[in-house]
Amino acid sequence: MSLDQLKREVASLSSKEQAALIAYALHLRYAGDPDYRREVADRLNDSDKAHWLTPQEFERRLDNA
């Protein structure tokens, strides 16, 4: 399957399916990177609420990325 075919298929997915695909693609991209995995673990374990994002702030940053 070509990249153009994949793009067309992804465009036809529901937003929920696209979100699942994005999560899977990111998992594949970073699965073998120990530094990234360590940073994610550190962030997930951060109990300082000052470092947390609201869902709205997260979406705003995601839209601006």
N, C-alpha and C. Protein backbone atom coordinates (compact mmCIF):
# COMPACT_ATOMS: atom_id res chain seq x y z
N MET A 1 0.85 -1.17 0.00
CA MET A 1 0.00 0.00 0.00
C MET A 1 0.90 1.24 0.00
N SER A 2 0.59 2.20 -0.84
CA SER A 2 1.39 3.42 -0.94
C SER A 2 1.01 4.40 0.18
N LEU A 3 1.86 5.39 0.36
CA LEU A 3 1.59 6.42 1.36
C LEU A 3 0.32 7.18 1.00
N ASP A 4 0.11 7.47 -0.28
CA ASP A 4 -1.11 8.16 -0.68
C ASP A 4 -2.35 7.33 -0.36
N GLN A 5 -2.28 6.02 -0.57
CA GLN A 5 -3.41 5.15 -0.23
C GLN A 5 -3.66 5.16 1.27
N LEU A 6 -2.59 5.11 2.04
CA LEU A 6 -2.73 5.16 3.50
C LEU A 6 -3.39 6.46 3.94
N LYS A 7 -2.96 7.58 3.35
CA LYS A 7 -3.53 8.87 3.70
C LYS A 7 -5.04 8.90 3.41
N ARG A 8 -5.43 8.37 2.27
CA ARG A 8 -6.85 8.34 1.93
C ARG A 8 -7.62 7.47 2.92
N GLU A 9 -7.05 6.33 3.27
CA GLU A 9 -7.72 5.44 4.23
C GLU A 9 -7.86 6.12 5.59
N VAL A 10 -6.80 6.77 6.04
CA VAL A 10 -6.84 7.46 7.34
C VAL A 10 -7.88 8.58 7.31
N ALA A 11 -7.97 9.30 6.21
CA ALA A 11 -8.95 10.38 6.10
C ALA A 11 -10.37 9.86 6.20
N SER A 12 -10.59 8.61 5.83
CA SER A 12 -11.95 8.05 5.87
C SER A 12 -12.31 7.50 7.25
N LEU A 13 -11.36 7.43 8.17
CA LEU A 13 -11.62 6.92 9.51
C LEU A 13 -12.39 7.94 10.34
N SER A 14 -13.09 7.46 11.35
CA SER A 14 -13.74 8.36 12.29
C SER A 14 -12.67 9.06 13.13
N SER A 15 -13.04 10.14 13.79
CA SER A 15 -12.06 10.86 14.62
C SER A 15 -11.53 9.97 15.75
N LYS A 16 -12.39 9.10 16.27
CA LYS A 16 -11.95 8.18 17.33
C LYS A 16 -10.93 7.18 16.77
N GLU A 17 -11.17 6.68 15.58
CA GLU A 17 -10.23 5.75 14.95
C GLU A 17 -8.92 6.45 14.60
N GLN A 18 -9.01 7.69 14.13
CA GLN A 18 -7.81 8.45 13.83
C GLN A 18 -6.98 8.68 15.09
N ALA A 19 -7.64 8.99 16.19
CA ALA A 19 -6.92 9.20 17.46
C ALA A 19 -6.21 7.93 17.89
N ALA A 20 -6.86 6.79 17.73
CA ALA A 20 -6.24 5.51 18.08
C ALA A 20 -5.04 5.24 17.17
N LEU A 21 -5.15 5.58 15.90
CA LEU A 21 -4.06 5.38 14.96
C LEU A 21 -2.88 6.29 15.30
N ILE A 22 -3.17 7.52 15.67
CA ILE A 22 -2.11 8.46 16.06
C ILE A 22 -1.37 7.91 17.29
N ALA A 23 -2.11 7.44 18.26
CA ALA A 23 -1.48 6.88 19.46
C ALA A 23 -0.59 5.70 19.10
N TYR A 24 -1.07 4.86 18.20
CA TYR A 24 -0.29 3.68 17.78
C TYR A 24 0.97 4.12 17.02
N ALA A 25 0.84 5.09 16.13
CA ALA A 25 2.00 5.56 15.37
C ALA A 25 3.05 6.17 16.30
N LEU A 26 2.61 6.94 17.28
CA LEU A 26 3.56 7.50 18.25
C LEU A 26 4.22 6.41 19.07
N HIS A 27 3.45 5.40 19.43
CA HIS A 27 4.03 4.26 20.16
C HIS A 27 5.13 3.61 19.34
N LEU A 28 4.87 3.39 18.05
CA LEU A 28 5.88 2.78 17.19
C LEU A 28 7.11 3.66 17.06
N ARG A 29 6.88 4.96 16.92
CA ARG A 29 8.00 5.88 16.72
C ARG A 29 8.94 5.91 17.92
N TYR A 30 8.38 5.88 19.12
CA TYR A 30 9.19 6.06 20.32
C TYR A 30 9.43 4.80 21.14
N ALA A 31 8.95 3.67 20.69
CA ALA A 31 9.05 2.43 21.47
C ALA A 31 10.49 2.06 21.80
N GLY A 32 11.40 2.32 20.92
CA GLY A 32 12.79 1.93 21.15
C GLY A 32 13.67 3.03 21.71
N ASP A 33 13.10 4.15 22.12
CA ASP A 33 13.88 5.28 22.61
C ASP A 33 13.82 5.33 24.14
N PRO A 34 14.87 4.84 24.81
CA PRO A 34 14.83 4.80 26.28
C PRO A 34 14.76 6.18 26.93
N ASP A 35 15.35 7.19 26.31
CA ASP A 35 15.28 8.54 26.88
C ASP A 35 13.85 9.07 26.85
N TYR A 36 13.17 8.85 25.75
CA TYR A 36 11.78 9.29 25.63
C TYR A 36 10.91 8.54 26.64
N ARG A 37 11.10 7.24 26.74
CA ARG A 37 10.30 6.44 27.68
C ARG A 37 10.53 6.91 29.11
N ARG A 38 11.76 7.26 29.45
CA ARG A 38 12.08 7.74 30.79
C ARG A 38 11.40 9.09 31.04
N GLU A 39 11.44 9.98 30.04
CA GLU A 39 10.80 11.30 30.19
C GLU A 39 9.29 11.15 30.36
N VAL A 40 8.67 10.27 29.60
CA VAL A 40 7.23 10.05 29.73
C VAL A 40 6.91 9.50 31.12
N ALA A 41 7.69 8.54 31.58
CA ALA A 41 7.46 7.97 32.91
C ALA A 41 7.60 9.05 33.99
N ASP A 42 8.62 9.89 33.86
CA ASP A 42 8.81 10.97 34.83
C ASP A 42 7.62 11.93 34.83
N ARG A 43 7.12 12.26 33.64
CA ARG A 43 5.98 13.17 33.56
C ARG A 43 4.71 12.54 34.12
N LEU A 44 4.51 11.27 33.83
CA LEU A 44 3.32 10.58 34.34
C LEU A 44 3.35 10.47 35.86
N ASN A 45 4.54 10.37 36.41
CA ASN A 45 4.68 10.22 37.85
C ASN A 45 4.80 11.56 38.59
N ASP A 46 4.76 12.67 37.85
CA ASP A 46 4.89 14.00 38.46
C ASP A 46 3.62 14.31 39.24
N SER A 47 3.75 14.47 40.54
CA SER A 47 2.58 14.73 41.39
C SER A 47 2.38 16.23 41.66
N ASP A 48 3.25 17.08 41.09
CA ASP A 48 3.12 18.52 41.28
C ASP A 48 2.06 19.06 40.32
N LYS A 49 0.91 19.42 40.86
CA LYS A 49 -0.21 19.88 40.04
C LYS A 49 0.11 21.13 39.23
N ALA A 50 1.12 21.88 39.65
CA ALA A 50 1.51 23.07 38.90
C ALA A 50 2.04 22.71 37.51
N HIS A 51 2.47 21.47 37.35
CA HIS A 51 3.00 21.01 36.07
C HIS A 51 1.92 20.36 35.18
N TRP A 52 0.73 20.19 35.70
CA TRP A 52 -0.34 19.52 34.96
C TRP A 52 -1.03 20.49 34.02
N LEU A 53 -1.58 19.96 32.94
CA LEU A 53 -2.36 20.75 31.99
C LEU A 53 -3.83 20.40 32.13
N THR A 54 -4.66 21.41 31.94
CA THR A 54 -6.09 21.12 31.84
C THR A 54 -6.34 20.48 30.48
N PRO A 55 -7.43 19.77 30.31
CA PRO A 55 -7.73 19.21 28.98
C PRO A 55 -7.78 20.30 27.90
N GLN A 56 -8.31 21.48 28.24
CA GLN A 56 -8.39 22.57 27.28
C GLN A 56 -7.00 23.07 26.88
N GLU A 57 -6.11 23.21 27.85
CA GLU A 57 -4.74 23.66 27.56
C GLU A 57 -4.01 22.61 26.73
N PHE A 58 -4.22 21.35 27.04
CA PHE A 58 -3.60 20.28 26.26
C PHE A 58 -4.05 20.36 24.80
N GLU A 59 -5.35 20.50 24.57
CA GLU A 59 -5.87 20.58 23.21
C GLU A 59 -5.34 21.84 22.50
N ARG A 60 -5.27 22.97 23.22
CA ARG A 60 -4.74 24.19 22.62
C ARG A 60 -3.30 24.00 22.15
N ARG A 61 -2.50 23.39 23.01
CA ARG A 61 -1.09 23.14 22.65
C ARG A 61 -0.99 22.14 21.50
N LEU A 62 -1.84 21.14 21.51
CA LEU A 62 -1.82 20.16 20.44
C LEU A 62 -2.20 20.81 19.12
N ASP A 63 -3.17 21.71 19.13
CA ASP A 63 -3.58 22.41 17.91
C ASP A 63 -2.49 23.33 17.39
N ASN A 64 -1.66 23.85 18.28
CA ASN A 64 -0.59 24.78 17.88
C ASN A 64 0.72 24.08 17.55
N ALA A 65 0.77 22.78 17.71
CA ALA A 65 2.01 22.05 17.47
C ALA A 65 2.28 21.86 15.99
